[in-house]
Protein backbone atom coordinates (compact mmCIF):
# COMPACT_ATOMS: atom_id res chain seq x y z
CA MET A 1 1.73 6.05 84.48
CA THR A 2 2.17 7.75 80.99
CA ASN A 3 0.07 10.04 79.26
CA LYS A 4 -1.66 9.36 76.20
CA SER A 5 -0.29 12.43 74.35
CA ASP A 6 3.42 11.23 75.65
CA THR A 7 3.51 7.89 74.11
CA LYS A 8 5.32 7.56 70.34
CA ILE A 9 3.76 5.49 67.81
CA GLN A 10 6.14 3.59 65.90
CA HIS A 11 4.42 2.22 63.06
CA GLU A 12 6.45 -0.08 60.68
CA HIS A 13 5.04 -2.94 58.09
CA GLY A 14 4.25 -6.36 59.07
CA GLU A 15 2.67 -7.61 62.40
CA HIS A 16 1.77 -5.22 65.46
CA THR A 17 3.41 -5.77 68.95
CA GLU A 18 3.19 -3.91 71.90
CA ASN A 19 6.09 -2.94 74.03
CA THR A 20 6.39 -1.74 77.70
CA GLU A 21 7.15 1.67 76.52
CA ASN A 22 3.77 2.53 74.87
CA THR A 23 5.26 2.06 71.45
CA VAL A 24 3.50 0.15 69.00
CA SER A 25 5.99 -1.32 66.48
CA VAL A 26 6.65 -3.62 63.46
CA SER A 27 9.65 -4.49 60.68
CA HIS A 28 11.21 -1.28 60.03
CA GLY A 29 11.06 1.98 61.79
CA HIS A 30 9.07 5.30 61.41
CA TYR A 31 7.39 7.01 63.39
CA HIS A 32 4.19 8.96 63.43
CA SER A 33 3.38 12.11 65.78
CA PRO A 34 0.36 11.47 68.24
CA ASP A 35 -0.61 15.09 67.53
CA GLU A 36 -0.66 14.48 63.86
CA LYS A 37 -2.43 11.10 64.20
CA LYS A 38 -4.85 12.92 66.46
CA LYS A 39 -5.45 15.64 63.67
CA GLN A 40 -6.02 13.13 61.60
CA LEU A 41 -8.21 10.96 63.61
CA ASN A 42 -10.90 14.32 64.09
CA ARG A 43 -10.75 15.31 60.37
CA LEU A 44 -11.93 11.34 59.49
CA SER A 45 -14.46 12.18 62.36
CA LYS A 46 -15.57 15.16 61.24
CA ALA A 47 -15.82 13.43 57.37
CA ALA A 48 -17.74 10.51 58.89
CA GLY A 49 -20.28 12.54 60.54
CA HIS A 50 -20.38 14.77 56.96
CA LEU A 51 -21.25 11.39 55.26
CA GLN A 52 -24.26 10.70 57.73
CA HIS A 53 -25.58 13.97 56.84
CA VAL A 54 -25.61 13.03 53.25
CA ARG A 55 -27.39 9.77 54.72
CA ARG A 56 -29.81 11.42 56.95
CA MET A 57 -30.02 13.61 53.64
CA ILE A 58 -31.12 10.99 51.24
CA GLU A 59 -33.36 9.14 53.49
CA ASN A 60 -35.59 12.44 53.83
CA ASP A 61 -35.74 13.19 49.80
CA GLU A 62 -34.14 16.23 50.30
CA ASP A 63 -33.12 17.82 46.66
CA CYS A 64 -30.66 15.67 44.98
CA ALA A 65 -28.62 19.13 43.79
CA ASP A 66 -27.94 19.73 47.89
CA VAL A 67 -27.17 15.77 48.08
CA LEU A 68 -24.23 16.21 45.52
CA ILE A 69 -22.68 19.32 47.00
CA GLN A 70 -22.55 17.58 50.27
CA LEU A 71 -20.85 14.80 48.96
CA SER A 72 -18.68 16.92 47.12
CA ALA A 73 -17.44 18.08 50.45
CA VAL A 74 -16.90 14.72 52.04
CA ASN A 75 -14.92 13.55 48.69
CA SER A 76 -12.78 16.85 49.00
CA ALA A 77 -12.44 16.45 52.87
CA LEU A 78 -11.34 12.69 52.28
CA ARG A 79 -8.52 13.51 49.40
CA SER A 80 -6.80 16.52 51.78
CA LEU A 81 -6.93 13.82 54.79
CA GLY A 82 -5.02 11.82 52.08
CA LYS A 83 -2.97 14.13 50.98
CA GLU A 84 -1.74 15.06 54.74
CA ILE A 85 -1.31 11.05 55.01
CA ILE A 86 0.95 11.05 52.17
CA ASN A 87 2.90 14.36 53.42
CA GLU A 88 3.23 12.67 56.94
CA HIS A 89 4.57 9.42 55.33
CA MET A 90 7.09 10.79 53.03
CA THR A 91 8.41 13.40 55.27
CA HIS A 92 8.85 11.06 58.06
CA CYS A 93 8.02 7.01 56.89
CA ILE A 94 9.68 7.24 53.85
CA ILE A 95 12.88 8.88 54.49
CA HIS A 96 13.68 6.41 56.96
CA ALA A 97 12.85 3.76 55.36
CA ILE A 98 15.19 4.96 52.47
CA GLU A 99 17.87 5.69 55.10
CA GLU A 100 17.92 1.76 56.36
CA GLY A 101 17.49 0.70 52.79
CA ASP A 102 13.96 -0.79 52.73
CA MET A 103 13.01 -0.56 49.52
CA LYS A 104 10.22 -3.22 50.20
CA ALA A 105 8.22 -0.05 52.28
CA VAL A 106 9.00 3.03 49.11
CA GLU A 107 7.15 0.16 46.99
CA GLU A 108 4.48 -0.11 48.99
CA PHE A 109 4.15 2.75 49.32
CA GLN A 110 4.17 3.99 45.60
CA LYS A 111 1.24 1.66 45.15
CA ALA A 112 -0.65 2.53 47.46
CA VAL A 113 -0.38 6.47 46.31
CA LYS A 114 -1.39 4.87 42.72
CA LYS A 115 -4.77 3.90 44.46
CA PHE A 116 -5.34 7.29 45.57
CA VAL A 117 -5.49 9.13 42.82
């Protein structure tokens, strides 16, 4: 029996498949740490919770200045998460892609970063 925290995630560009070693894979190999993935998902859940709070604030006709402050906090949390994802992807996935000569993955990542910023 495999513990979820022991499962290695292999993220690759293209169609996703799952093999018997609990590794999700596709075209070129780069890996995401299960611990980092868990941290990222937790941060995203917190941001989603804050956004739901903003929704309730608007529904309850709360002060617009307070709503804007909360929206700013949500925006900041999402941008921070995006920066973490960029950093992890660069330090793991893009390095592997370059080592394997997969310039398409590098180009796709560059396009994604441009959209993010």
